[in-house]
C-alpha atoms as a PDB file:
ATOM      1  CA  MET A   1       0.002   0.193   0.056  1.00  0.00           C
ATOM      2  CA  TYR A   2       2.916   2.255   1.054  1.00  0.00           C
ATOM      3  CA  LEU A   3       4.451   1.810  -2.595  1.00  0.00           C
ATOM      4  CA  LEU A   4       1.528   2.632  -4.228  1.00  0.00           C
ATOM      5  CA  PHE A   5       1.014   5.823  -2.354  1.00  0.00           C
ATOM      6  CA  THR A   6       4.467   6.720  -2.893  1.00  0.00           C
ATOM      7  CA  LEU A   7       4.326   5.813  -6.867  1.00  0.00           C
ATOM      8  CA  ALA A   8       1.197   8.144  -7.150  1.00  0.00           C
ATOM      9  CA  LEU A   9       2.823  11.075  -5.277  1.00  0.00           C
ATOM     10  CA  CYS A  10       5.995  10.607  -7.712  1.00  0.00           C
ATOM     11  CA  PHE A  11       3.583  10.511 -10.813  1.00  0.00           C
ATOM     12  CA  ALA A  12       1.570  13.544  -9.370  1.00  0.00           C
ATOM     13  CA  ALA A  13       5.042  15.582  -9.084  1.00  0.00           C
ATOM     14  CA  ALA A  14       6.310  14.486 -12.486  1.00  0.00           C
ATOM     15  CA  GLN A  15       2.896  15.988 -13.804  1.00  0.00           C
ATOM     16  CA  SER A  16       2.947  19.377 -11.954  1.00  0.00           C
ATOM     17  CA  PRO A  17       3.850  22.433 -13.694  1.00  0.00           C
ATOM     18  CA  ASP A  18       7.396  24.033 -13.239  1.00  0.00           C
ATOM     19  CA  ARG A  19       5.616  27.525 -12.931  1.00  0.00           C
ATOM     20  CA  VAL A  20       2.317  28.936 -12.618  1.00  0.00           C
ATOM     21  CA  TYR A  21       1.648  32.428 -13.285  1.00  0.00           C
ATOM     22  CA  VAL A  22      -1.153  34.025 -11.113  1.00  0.00           C
ATOM     23  CA  ASN A  23      -3.306  37.203 -10.408  1.00  0.00           C
ATOM     24  CA  GLY A  24      -3.001  38.810 -14.049  1.00  0.00           C
ATOM     25  CA  ALA A  25      -5.029  39.480 -17.165  1.00  0.00           C
ATOM     26  CA  VAL A  26      -3.486  37.038 -19.556  1.00  0.00           C
ATOM     27  CA  LEU A  27      -4.586  37.564 -23.201  1.00  0.00           C
ATOM     28  CA  THR A  28      -4.889  33.949 -24.923  1.00  0.00           C
ATOM     29  CA  MET A  29      -6.317  35.000 -28.206  1.00  0.00           C
ATOM     30  CA  ASP A  30      -8.704  32.192 -27.732  1.00  0.00           C
ATOM     31  CA  PRO A  31     -12.210  33.164 -28.338  1.00  0.00           C
ATOM     32  CA  ALA A  32     -13.534  30.830 -25.769  1.00  0.00           C
ATOM     33  CA  ALA A  33     -11.313  32.245 -23.037  1.00  0.00           C
ATOM     34  CA  ARG A  34     -10.129  35.798 -24.290  1.00  0.00           C
ATOM     35  CA  THR A  35      -8.702  36.676 -20.927  1.00  0.00           C
ATOM     36  CA  VAL A  36      -7.776  34.530 -17.901  1.00  0.00           C
ATOM     37  CA  GLU A  37      -6.061  35.161 -14.644  1.00  0.00           C
ATOM     38  CA  GLY A  38      -3.313  32.692 -14.878  1.00  0.00           C
ATOM     39  CA  PHE A  39      -1.641  29.769 -16.355  1.00  0.00           C
ATOM     40  CA  ALA A  40       0.729  26.773 -16.080  1.00  0.00           C
ATOM     41  CA  VAL A  41       3.809  25.663 -17.981  1.00  0.00           C
ATOM     42  CA  ARG A  42       5.780  22.600 -17.947  1.00  0.00           C
ATOM     43  CA  ASN A  43       8.873  21.973 -19.873  1.00  0.00           C
ATOM     44  CA  GLY A  44       8.310  25.542 -21.742  1.00  0.00           C
ATOM     45  CA  LEU A  45       4.899  24.420 -22.888  1.00  0.00           C
ATOM     46  CA  PHE A  46       1.434  25.738 -21.752  1.00  0.00           C
ATOM     47  CA  THR A  47      -0.015  23.199 -19.559  1.00  0.00           C
ATOM     48  CA  ALA A  48      -3.225  24.923 -18.347  1.00  0.00           C
ATOM     49  CA  ILE A  49      -4.970  28.312 -18.202  1.00  0.00           C
ATOM     50  CA  SER A  50      -7.680  29.316 -15.702  1.00  0.00           C
ATOM     51  CA  SER A  51      -8.313  31.284 -12.679  1.00  0.00           C
ATOM     52  CA  THR A  52      -5.819  32.040 -10.030  1.00  0.00           C
ATOM     53  CA  GLN A  53      -7.358  29.758  -7.545  1.00  0.00           C
ATOM     54  CA  GLU A  54      -7.036  26.853  -9.818  1.00  0.00           C
ATOM     55  CA  MET A  55      -3.451  27.601 -10.808  1.00  0.00           C
ATOM     56  CA  ARG A  56      -2.478  27.425  -7.330  1.00  0.00           C
ATOM     57  CA  GLN A  57      -4.326  24.094  -6.897  1.00  0.00           C
ATOM     58  CA  LEU A  58      -1.980  22.927  -9.733  1.00  0.00           C
ATOM     59  CA  ALA A  59       1.093  23.879  -8.268  1.00  0.00           C
ATOM     60  CA  ALA A  60       3.124  21.340  -6.225  1.00  0.00           C
ATOM     61  CA  PRO A  61       5.688  22.357  -3.373  1.00  0.00           C
ATOM     62  CA  ALA A  62       8.414  22.702  -6.205  1.00  0.00           C
ATOM     63  CA  THR A  63       6.545  24.633  -8.634  1.00  0.00           C
ATOM     64  CA  GLN A  64       7.258  28.510  -8.928  1.00  0.00           C
ATOM     65  CA  ILE A  65       4.761  30.615  -8.470  1.00  0.00           C
ATOM     66  CA  VAL A  66       4.871  34.284 -10.483  1.00  0.00           C
ATOM     67  CA  ASP A  67       2.381  36.774  -9.328  1.00  0.00           C
ATOM     68  CA  LEU A  68       1.726  38.989 -12.036  1.00  0.00           C
ATOM     69  CA  ALA A  69       0.232  41.438  -9.455  1.00  0.00           C
ATOM     70  CA  GLY A  70      -2.677  42.368 -11.847  1.00  0.00           C
ATOM     71  CA  ARG A  71      -0.538  43.356 -15.006  1.00  0.00           C
ATOM     72  CA  THR A  72      -1.565  42.381 -18.480  1.00  0.00           C
ATOM     73  CA  LEU A  73       0.318  39.401 -19.982  1.00  0.00           C
ATOM     74  CA  VAL A  74       0.523  38.891 -23.888  1.00  0.00           C
ATOM     75  CA  ALA A  75       2.048  35.570 -25.061  1.00  0.00           C
ATOM     76  CA  GLU A  76       3.827  35.006 -28.587  1.00  0.00           C
ATOM     77  CA  GLN A  77       3.502  31.641 -30.026  1.00  0.00           C
ATOM     78  CA  ARG A  78       6.813  30.758 -31.839  1.00  0.00           C
ATOM     79  CA  ASP A  79       7.312  27.200 -31.546  1.00  0.00           C
ATOM     80  CA  GLY A  80       4.199  24.945 -31.315  1.00  0.00           C
ATOM     81  CA  ASP A  81       3.105  25.769 -27.877  1.00  0.00           C
ATOM     82  CA  ARG A  82       6.247  27.026 -26.374  1.00  0.00           C
ATOM     83  CA  PHE A  83       5.817  30.113 -24.032  1.00  0.00           C
ATOM     84  CA  ASP A  84       7.591  32.991 -24.946  1.00  0.00           C
ATOM     85  CA  PRO A  85       6.320  36.382 -23.068  1.00  0.00           C
ATOM     86  CA  LEU A  86       6.014  39.141 -25.797  1.00  0.00           C
ATOM     87  CA  SER A  87       5.249  41.818 -23.021  1.00  0.00           C
ATOM     88  CA  VAL A  88       3.969  42.233 -19.597  1.00  0.00           C
ATOM     89  CA  SER A  89       2.670  45.579 -18.576  1.00  0.00           C
END
């Protein structure tokens, strides 16, 4: 039982984002969700976009949390889904 629990924790940590950005106005260019409060990145790829609360729930202890402090972020897509910040204001 302990082994299964340990394996589950390792899998969850491997799937958690490297960094989450919260508390901002993130312009997604997606007609279904034009602006969101935050997003998650793992290995340089977007893994989720949603509210600040949901992004914080995705974060593991090793995840870096970046507070955008209400600023607006526009992302530029250069290589597939790779995250390249175009501007933060």
